[in-house]
Amino acid sequence: MRNVMLAIAVCLVGQGALAWEEPARGTATRAALMDAIRPHLEWTLGAPIEFVVHDLRVQGPVAFAAVTPQRPGGGQIDLRQTPSVRRGDVDLEYIDNLGVQALYRKSGNTWVAVHWGIGATDVWFSDPNLCASWRSVIPDVCQGL
């Protein structure tokens, strides 16, 4: 009986160590993750910003998000009219979509968007150095790295 309990405990711990969770709509964690990326995107795209969430994963102190920013109520963002284009920070030849991916780390009680990309045409976070820290939330991307 003791061996059966030990086997069950090992399985549960193993599954928990590898399983990420998606914060539900309306939760404080989900709001904190969106609030952590928002200032970066408002600087780039202009305010106000809200998000369509495509993928959101949290495991312990790390998280991953794939979102599309939009104006409140679903309004599209015109890249040509964004602050980053007006400042010359973004060349429209190299960005053709508004897809955003972000890698987060929790610092105390605060989520921080440590790495993020907008309009990527490749999987920029498929990097052994990033996978060393974020593998638990992007295992599909980090497989084999």
N, C-alpha and C. Protein backbone atom coordinates (compact mmCIF):
# COMPACT_ATOMS: atom_id res chain seq x y z
N MET A 1 0.82 -1.20 0.00
CA MET A 1 0.00 0.00 0.00
C MET A 1 0.87 1.26 0.00
N ARG A 2 1.95 1.21 0.78
CA ARG A 2 2.83 2.36 0.85
C ARG A 2 3.45 2.64 -0.53
N ASN A 3 3.80 1.60 -1.28
CA ASN A 3 4.37 1.78 -2.61
C ASN A 3 3.36 2.38 -3.58
N VAL A 4 2.10 1.99 -3.45
CA VAL A 4 1.05 2.54 -4.32
C VAL A 4 0.88 4.03 -4.04
N MET A 5 0.85 4.41 -2.78
CA MET A 5 0.71 5.82 -2.42
C MET A 5 1.91 6.62 -2.91
N LEU A 6 3.11 6.05 -2.79
CA LEU A 6 4.31 6.73 -3.26
C LEU A 6 4.25 6.92 -4.78
N ALA A 7 3.81 5.90 -5.50
CA ALA A 7 3.70 6.00 -6.96
C ALA A 7 2.70 7.08 -7.36
N ILE A 8 1.56 7.14 -6.68
CA ILE A 8 0.55 8.16 -6.97
C ILE A 8 1.12 9.55 -6.69
N ALA A 9 1.81 9.70 -5.57
CA ALA A 9 2.39 11.00 -5.22
C ALA A 9 3.42 11.44 -6.26
N VAL A 10 4.26 10.53 -6.71
CA VAL A 10 5.27 10.86 -7.72
C VAL A 10 4.59 11.29 -9.01
N CYS A 11 3.55 10.59 -9.42
CA CYS A 11 2.82 10.95 -10.65
C CYS A 11 2.20 12.33 -10.52
N LEU A 12 1.57 12.60 -9.40
CA LEU A 12 0.92 13.90 -9.22
C LEU A 12 1.94 15.03 -9.19
N VAL A 13 3.05 14.84 -8.50
CA VAL A 13 4.08 15.87 -8.46
C VAL A 13 4.67 16.06 -9.85
N GLY A 14 4.93 14.98 -10.55
CA GLY A 14 5.48 15.07 -11.90
C GLY A 14 4.56 15.82 -12.84
N GLN A 15 3.26 15.53 -12.78
CA GLN A 15 2.31 16.23 -13.64
C GLN A 15 2.24 17.70 -13.28
N GLY A 16 2.23 18.01 -11.99
CA GLY A 16 2.15 19.40 -11.56
C GLY A 16 3.37 20.20 -11.96
N ALA A 17 4.52 19.54 -11.97
CA ALA A 17 5.75 20.24 -12.31
C ALA A 17 5.80 20.60 -13.79
N LEU A 18 5.06 19.87 -14.63
CA LEU A 18 5.12 20.09 -16.06
C LEU A 18 3.90 20.80 -16.62
N ALA A 19 2.87 20.96 -15.83
CA ALA A 19 1.60 21.47 -16.35
C ALA A 19 1.46 22.96 -16.12
N TRP A 20 1.21 23.70 -17.19
CA TRP A 20 0.90 25.12 -17.06
C TRP A 20 -0.61 25.26 -16.98
N GLU A 21 -1.04 26.40 -16.48
CA GLU A 21 -2.47 26.68 -16.37
C GLU A 21 -2.79 27.96 -17.11
N GLU A 22 -4.02 28.07 -17.58
CA GLU A 22 -4.49 29.31 -18.21
C GLU A 22 -5.35 30.07 -17.20
N PRO A 23 -4.94 31.27 -16.81
CA PRO A 23 -5.76 32.06 -15.90
C PRO A 23 -7.11 32.39 -16.55
N ALA A 24 -8.17 32.17 -15.83
CA ALA A 24 -9.51 32.41 -16.36
C ALA A 24 -9.78 33.90 -16.54
N ARG A 25 -10.71 34.20 -17.44
CA ARG A 25 -11.15 35.59 -17.62
C ARG A 25 -11.65 36.13 -16.29
N GLY A 26 -11.30 37.38 -16.02
CA GLY A 26 -11.76 38.03 -14.80
C GLY A 26 -10.89 37.79 -13.58
N THR A 27 -9.85 36.95 -13.70
CA THR A 27 -9.00 36.70 -12.54
C THR A 27 -7.94 37.79 -12.41
N ALA A 28 -7.45 37.94 -11.19
CA ALA A 28 -6.41 38.94 -10.93
C ALA A 28 -5.13 38.61 -11.69
N THR A 29 -4.80 37.34 -11.82
CA THR A 29 -3.58 36.95 -12.54
C THR A 29 -3.67 37.34 -14.01
N ARG A 30 -4.78 37.06 -14.63
CA ARG A 30 -4.95 37.42 -16.05
C ARG A 30 -4.85 38.94 -16.23
N ALA A 31 -5.51 39.69 -15.37
CA ALA A 31 -5.46 41.15 -15.46
C ALA A 31 -4.03 41.66 -15.24
N ALA A 32 -3.32 41.08 -14.29
CA ALA A 32 -1.94 41.51 -14.02
C ALA A 32 -1.02 41.23 -15.20
N LEU A 33 -1.22 40.11 -15.87
CA LEU A 33 -0.40 39.80 -17.05
C LEU A 33 -0.68 40.79 -18.18
N MET A 34 -1.93 41.11 -18.42
CA MET A 34 -2.27 42.08 -19.47
C MET A 34 -1.75 43.47 -19.09
N ASP A 35 -1.85 43.82 -17.82
CA ASP A 35 -1.36 45.13 -17.37
C ASP A 35 0.16 45.23 -17.47
N ALA A 36 0.86 44.10 -17.40
CA ALA A 36 2.32 44.12 -17.50
C ALA A 36 2.80 44.39 -18.92
N ILE A 37 2.07 43.95 -19.92
CA ILE A 37 2.49 44.19 -21.31
C ILE A 37 1.90 45.49 -21.86
N ARG A 38 0.81 45.94 -21.28
CA ARG A 38 0.11 47.12 -21.80
C ARG A 38 1.00 48.37 -21.98
N PRO A 39 1.82 48.77 -21.02
CA PRO A 39 2.63 49.99 -21.22
C PRO A 39 3.59 49.88 -22.40
N HIS A 40 4.14 48.70 -22.62
CA HIS A 40 5.04 48.51 -23.76
C HIS A 40 4.30 48.73 -25.07
N LEU A 41 3.09 48.19 -25.15
CA LEU A 41 2.33 48.29 -26.39
C LEU A 41 1.69 49.66 -26.56
N GLU A 42 1.35 50.32 -25.47
CA GLU A 42 0.84 51.68 -25.59
C GLU A 42 1.95 52.62 -26.07
N TRP A 43 3.18 52.40 -25.64
CA TRP A 43 4.31 53.19 -26.12
C TRP A 43 4.51 52.95 -27.61
N THR A 44 4.34 51.72 -28.04
CA THR A 44 4.57 51.34 -29.43
C THR A 44 3.39 51.69 -30.33
N LEU A 45 2.18 51.39 -29.87
CA LEU A 45 0.99 51.50 -30.72
C LEU A 45 0.07 52.67 -30.37
N GLY A 46 0.29 53.29 -29.22
CA GLY A 46 -0.60 54.34 -28.76
C GLY A 46 -1.69 53.79 -27.87
N ALA A 47 -2.18 54.62 -26.98
CA ALA A 47 -3.23 54.23 -26.04
C ALA A 47 -4.58 54.68 -26.58
N PRO A 48 -5.63 54.05 -26.13
CA PRO A 48 -5.74 52.91 -25.23
C PRO A 48 -5.65 51.59 -25.99
N ILE A 49 -5.31 50.54 -25.25
CA ILE A 49 -5.14 49.20 -25.81
C ILE A 49 -5.95 48.21 -24.97
N GLU A 50 -6.59 47.28 -25.64
CA GLU A 50 -7.12 46.09 -24.99
C GLU A 50 -6.68 44.89 -25.81
N PHE A 51 -6.91 43.69 -25.31
CA PHE A 51 -6.32 42.51 -25.93
C PHE A 51 -7.34 41.43 -26.27
N VAL A 52 -7.09 40.77 -27.39
CA VAL A 52 -7.71 39.49 -27.70
C VAL A 52 -6.66 38.46 -27.30
N VAL A 53 -6.99 37.61 -26.35
CA VAL A 53 -6.04 36.63 -25.84
C VAL A 53 -6.20 35.33 -26.63
N HIS A 54 -5.11 34.91 -27.26
CA HIS A 54 -5.11 33.65 -28.01
C HIS A 54 -4.54 32.51 -27.18
N ASP A 55 -3.55 32.81 -26.37
CA ASP A 55 -2.90 31.80 -25.55
C ASP A 55 -2.32 32.49 -24.32
N LEU A 56 -2.57 31.92 -23.16
CA LEU A 56 -2.07 32.49 -21.91
C LEU A 56 -1.73 31.33 -20.99
N ARG A 57 -0.47 31.25 -20.60
CA ARG A 57 0.01 30.11 -19.82
C ARG A 57 0.82 30.59 -18.62
N VAL A 58 0.53 30.01 -17.47
CA VAL A 58 1.26 30.34 -16.24
C VAL A 58 1.70 29.06 -15.57
N GLN A 59 2.95 29.04 -15.14
CA GLN A 59 3.48 27.94 -14.34
C GLN A 59 4.43 28.54 -13.32
N GLY A 60 4.01 28.57 -12.07
CA GLY A 60 4.86 29.14 -11.02
C GLY A 60 5.16 30.60 -11.31
N PRO A 61 6.45 30.97 -11.32
CA PRO A 61 6.81 32.38 -11.50
C PRO A 61 7.03 32.82 -12.95
N VAL A 62 6.64 31.98 -13.93
CA VAL A 62 6.82 32.35 -15.33
C VAL A 62 5.50 32.23 -16.08
N ALA A 63 5.40 32.99 -17.17
CA ALA A 63 4.18 32.97 -17.97
C ALA A 63 4.51 33.29 -19.42
N PHE A 64 3.58 32.92 -20.30
CA PHE A 64 3.67 33.20 -21.74
C PHE A 64 2.31 33.70 -22.20
N ALA A 65 2.32 34.67 -23.10
CA ALA A 65 1.07 35.16 -23.69
C ALA A 65 1.24 35.33 -25.19
N ALA A 66 0.18 35.01 -25.92
CA ALA A 66 0.07 35.34 -27.34
C ALA A 66 -1.24 36.11 -27.46
N VAL A 67 -1.15 37.38 -27.80
CA VAL A 67 -2.33 38.26 -27.83
C VAL A 67 -2.30 39.12 -29.09
N THR A 68 -3.45 39.69 -29.39
CA THR A 68 -3.54 40.70 -30.44
C THR A 68 -4.11 41.96 -29.81
N PRO A 69 -3.37 43.07 -29.86
CA PRO A 69 -3.89 44.31 -29.31
C PRO A 69 -4.91 44.93 -30.25
N GLN A 70 -5.85 45.64 -29.66
CA GLN A 70 -6.87 46.36 -30.43
C GLN A 70 -7.30 47.57 -29.62
N ARG A 71 -8.05 48.43 -30.25
CA ARG A 71 -8.63 49.57 -29.53
C ARG A 71 -9.87 49.07 -28.78
N PRO A 72 -10.26 49.76 -27.70
CA PRO A 72 -11.44 49.35 -26.96
C PRO A 72 -12.65 49.16 -27.88
N GLY A 73 -13.39 48.11 -27.60
CA GLY A 73 -14.57 47.80 -28.40
C GLY A 73 -14.26 47.06 -29.68
N GLY A 74 -13.00 46.68 -29.88
CA GLY A 74 -12.64 45.90 -31.06
C GLY A 74 -12.09 46.71 -32.22
N GLY A 75 -11.84 48.00 -32.01
CA GLY A 75 -11.32 48.84 -33.08
C GLY A 75 -9.93 48.41 -33.53
N GLN A 76 -9.72 48.41 -34.84
CA GLN A 76 -8.42 48.04 -35.39
C GLN A 76 -7.40 49.15 -35.18
N ILE A 77 -6.15 48.75 -35.06
CA ILE A 77 -5.05 49.69 -34.92
C ILE A 77 -4.39 49.85 -36.28
N ASP A 78 -4.30 51.08 -36.74
CA ASP A 78 -3.64 51.38 -38.01
C ASP A 78 -2.16 51.58 -37.73
N LEU A 79 -1.36 50.60 -38.14
CA LEU A 79 0.09 50.67 -37.88
C LEU A 79 0.72 51.96 -38.39
N ARG A 80 0.22 52.46 -39.51
CA ARG A 80 0.81 53.67 -40.09
C ARG A 80 0.63 54.89 -39.21
N GLN A 81 -0.34 54.84 -38.30
CA GLN A 81 -0.64 55.99 -37.44
C GLN A 81 -0.15 55.80 -36.00
N THR A 82 0.73 54.85 -35.78
CA THR A 82 1.18 54.56 -34.42
C THR A 82 2.38 55.42 -34.03
N PRO A 83 2.56 55.66 -32.73
CA PRO A 83 3.71 56.44 -32.27
C PRO A 83 5.05 55.85 -32.72
N SER A 84 5.16 54.54 -32.73
CA SER A 84 6.45 53.94 -33.10
C SER A 84 6.80 54.20 -34.56
N VAL A 85 5.82 54.22 -35.44
CA VAL A 85 6.08 54.52 -36.84
C VAL A 85 6.42 56.00 -36.99
N ARG A 86 5.67 56.86 -36.30
CA ARG A 86 5.95 58.31 -36.37
C ARG A 86 7.34 58.65 -35.82
N ARG A 87 7.79 57.91 -34.80
CA ARG A 87 9.13 58.15 -34.24
C ARG A 87 10.22 57.53 -35.11
N GLY A 88 9.84 56.65 -36.02
CA GLY A 88 10.83 55.96 -36.84
C GLY A 88 11.40 54.72 -36.18
N ASP A 89 10.74 54.23 -35.13
CA ASP A 89 11.20 53.04 -34.41
C ASP A 89 10.86 51.75 -35.16
N VAL A 90 9.83 51.79 -36.00
CA VAL A 90 9.35 50.60 -36.69
C VAL A 90 9.31 50.88 -38.18
N ASP A 91 9.84 49.95 -38.94
CA ASP A 91 9.78 50.02 -40.40
C ASP A 91 8.65 49.10 -40.85
N LEU A 92 7.65 49.66 -41.51
CA LEU A 92 6.48 48.89 -41.92
C LEU A 92 6.83 47.75 -42.89
N GLU A 93 8.00 47.78 -43.49
CA GLU A 93 8.41 46.68 -44.36
C GLU A 93 8.65 45.40 -43.57
N TYR A 94 8.92 45.54 -42.28
CA TYR A 94 9.29 44.39 -41.46
C TYR A 94 8.21 43.98 -40.47
N ILE A 95 7.06 44.58 -40.54
CA ILE A 95 5.96 44.21 -39.65
C ILE A 95 4.67 44.26 -40.45
N ASP A 96 3.94 43.15 -40.45
CA ASP A 96 2.71 43.12 -41.22
C ASP A 96 1.51 42.64 -40.41
N ASN A 97 1.72 42.46 -39.11
CA ASN A 97 0.61 42.04 -38.25
C ASN A 97 0.85 42.59 -36.86
N LEU A 98 -0.15 42.46 -36.01
CA LEU A 98 -0.04 42.98 -34.64
C LEU A 98 0.06 41.86 -33.60
N GLY A 99 0.34 40.64 -34.04
CA GLY A 99 0.47 39.55 -33.09
C GLY A 99 1.59 39.84 -32.10
N VAL A 100 1.31 39.63 -30.83
CA VAL A 100 2.28 39.89 -29.76
C VAL A 100 2.49 38.61 -28.96
N GLN A 101 3.75 38.32 -28.69
CA GLN A 101 4.09 37.24 -27.77
C GLN A 101 4.92 37.86 -26.65
N ALA A 102 4.68 37.37 -25.44
CA ALA A 102 5.41 37.90 -24.29
C ALA A 102 5.81 36.78 -23.35
N LEU A 103 6.99 36.91 -22.78
CA LEU A 103 7.48 36.02 -21.74
C LEU A 103 7.56 36.85 -20.46
N TYR A 104 6.94 36.35 -19.40
CA TYR A 104 6.84 37.08 -18.14
C TYR A 104 7.59 36.35 -17.03
N ARG A 105 7.99 37.13 -16.03
CA ARG A 105 8.51 36.57 -14.79
C ARG A 105 7.86 37.34 -13.65
N LYS A 106 7.48 36.62 -12.61
CA LYS A 106 6.89 37.26 -11.45
C LYS A 106 8.00 37.71 -10.51
N SER A 107 7.95 38.98 -10.14
CA SER A 107 8.92 39.57 -9.22
C SER A 107 8.14 40.03 -8.00
N GLY A 108 8.26 39.30 -6.92
CA GLY A 108 7.43 39.58 -5.74
C GLY A 108 5.98 39.30 -6.09
N ASN A 109 5.14 40.32 -6.01
CA ASN A 109 3.73 40.17 -6.37
C ASN A 109 3.41 40.75 -7.74
N THR A 110 4.45 41.12 -8.50
CA THR A 110 4.26 41.83 -9.77
C THR A 110 4.73 40.99 -10.95
N TRP A 111 3.88 40.89 -11.97
CA TRP A 111 4.29 40.25 -13.22
C TRP A 111 5.01 41.28 -14.08
N VAL A 112 6.14 40.86 -14.67
CA VAL A 112 6.95 41.73 -15.51
C VAL A 112 7.08 41.08 -16.89
N ALA A 113 6.79 41.84 -17.94
CA ALA A 113 7.00 41.35 -19.31
C ALA A 113 8.49 41.51 -19.61
N VAL A 114 9.24 40.43 -19.47
CA VAL A 114 10.69 40.47 -19.58
C VAL A 114 11.12 40.52 -21.05
N HIS A 115 10.50 39.70 -21.87
CA HIS A 115 10.79 39.67 -23.31
C HIS A 115 9.46 39.72 -24.05
N TRP A 116 9.41 40.48 -25.12
CA TRP A 116 8.18 40.53 -25.90
C TRP A 116 8.52 40.91 -27.34
N GLY A 117 7.62 40.52 -28.23
CA GLY A 117 7.79 40.86 -29.64
C GLY A 117 6.45 41.14 -30.27
N ILE A 118 6.45 42.00 -31.28
CA ILE A 118 5.22 42.34 -31.98
C ILE A 118 5.45 42.16 -33.48
N GLY A 119 4.50 41.52 -34.13
CA GLY A 119 4.58 41.35 -35.58
C GLY A 119 5.67 40.40 -36.02
N ALA A 120 6.08 39.49 -35.16
CA ALA A 120 7.18 38.57 -35.50
C ALA A 120 6.79 37.65 -36.65
N THR A 121 7.73 37.42 -37.52
CA THR A 121 7.52 36.49 -38.63
C THR A 121 8.19 35.16 -38.36
N ASP A 122 8.85 35.05 -37.21
CA ASP A 122 9.44 33.78 -36.78
C ASP A 122 9.14 33.58 -35.30
N VAL A 123 9.49 32.42 -34.80
CA VAL A 123 9.25 32.11 -33.38
C VAL A 123 10.49 32.54 -32.60
N TRP A 124 10.56 33.83 -32.29
CA TRP A 124 11.74 34.42 -31.67
C TRP A 124 12.07 33.82 -30.31
N PHE A 125 11.07 33.26 -29.63
CA PHE A 125 11.29 32.72 -28.29
C PHE A 125 11.72 31.25 -28.32
N SER A 126 11.94 30.70 -29.52
CA SER A 126 12.49 29.36 -29.67
C SER A 126 14.01 29.47 -29.60
N ASP A 127 14.49 29.69 -28.40
CA ASP A 127 15.89 29.99 -28.16
C ASP A 127 16.34 29.21 -26.92
N PRO A 128 17.43 28.48 -27.00
CA PRO A 128 17.87 27.70 -25.83
C PRO A 128 18.02 28.54 -24.57
N ASN A 129 18.48 29.77 -24.70
CA ASN A 129 18.65 30.62 -23.52
C ASN A 129 17.30 30.98 -22.90
N LEU A 130 16.28 31.24 -23.72
CA LEU A 130 14.95 31.54 -23.19
C LEU A 130 14.28 30.26 -22.68
N CYS A 131 14.48 29.16 -23.40
CA CYS A 131 13.87 27.90 -22.98
C CYS A 131 14.39 27.44 -21.62
N ALA A 132 15.60 27.82 -21.28
CA ALA A 132 16.14 27.45 -19.97
C ALA A 132 15.25 27.96 -18.84
N SER A 133 14.62 29.10 -19.03
CA SER A 133 13.76 29.68 -17.99
C SER A 133 12.27 29.48 -18.24
N TRP A 134 11.84 29.44 -19.50
CA TRP A 134 10.41 29.43 -19.82
C TRP A 134 9.90 28.11 -20.41
N ARG A 135 10.70 27.07 -20.38
CA ARG A 135 10.30 25.78 -20.95
C ARG A 135 8.95 25.30 -20.41
N SER A 136 8.68 25.54 -19.14
CA SER A 136 7.45 25.02 -18.53
C SER A 136 6.19 25.63 -19.14
N VAL A 137 6.29 26.81 -19.75
CA VAL A 137 5.10 27.43 -20.36
C VAL A 137 5.13 27.40 -21.88
N ILE A 138 6.28 27.04 -22.46
CA ILE A 138 6.36 26.89 -23.92
C ILE A 138 7.05 25.58 -24.29
N PRO A 139 6.59 24.45 -23.71
CA PRO A 139 7.28 23.18 -23.96
C PRO A 139 7.23 22.77 -25.42
N ASP A 140 6.16 23.12 -26.12
CA ASP A 140 6.03 22.77 -27.53
C ASP A 140 7.11 23.45 -28.36
N VAL A 141 7.47 24.66 -28.01
CA VAL A 141 8.49 25.42 -28.73
C VAL A 141 9.89 24.98 -28.32
N CYS A 142 10.05 24.60 -27.07
CA CYS A 142 11.37 24.27 -26.54
C CYS A 142 11.76 22.81 -26.71
N GLN A 143 10.87 22.01 -27.25
CA GLN A 143 11.17 20.60 -27.43
C GLN A 143 12.42 20.43 -28.28
N GLY A 144 13.38 19.70 -27.76
CA GLY A 144 14.62 19.45 -28.48
C GLY A 144 15.67 20.52 -28.33
N LEU A 145 15.37 21.60 -27.62
CA LEU A 145 16.36 22.66 -27.42
C LEU A 145 17.02 22.53 -26.05
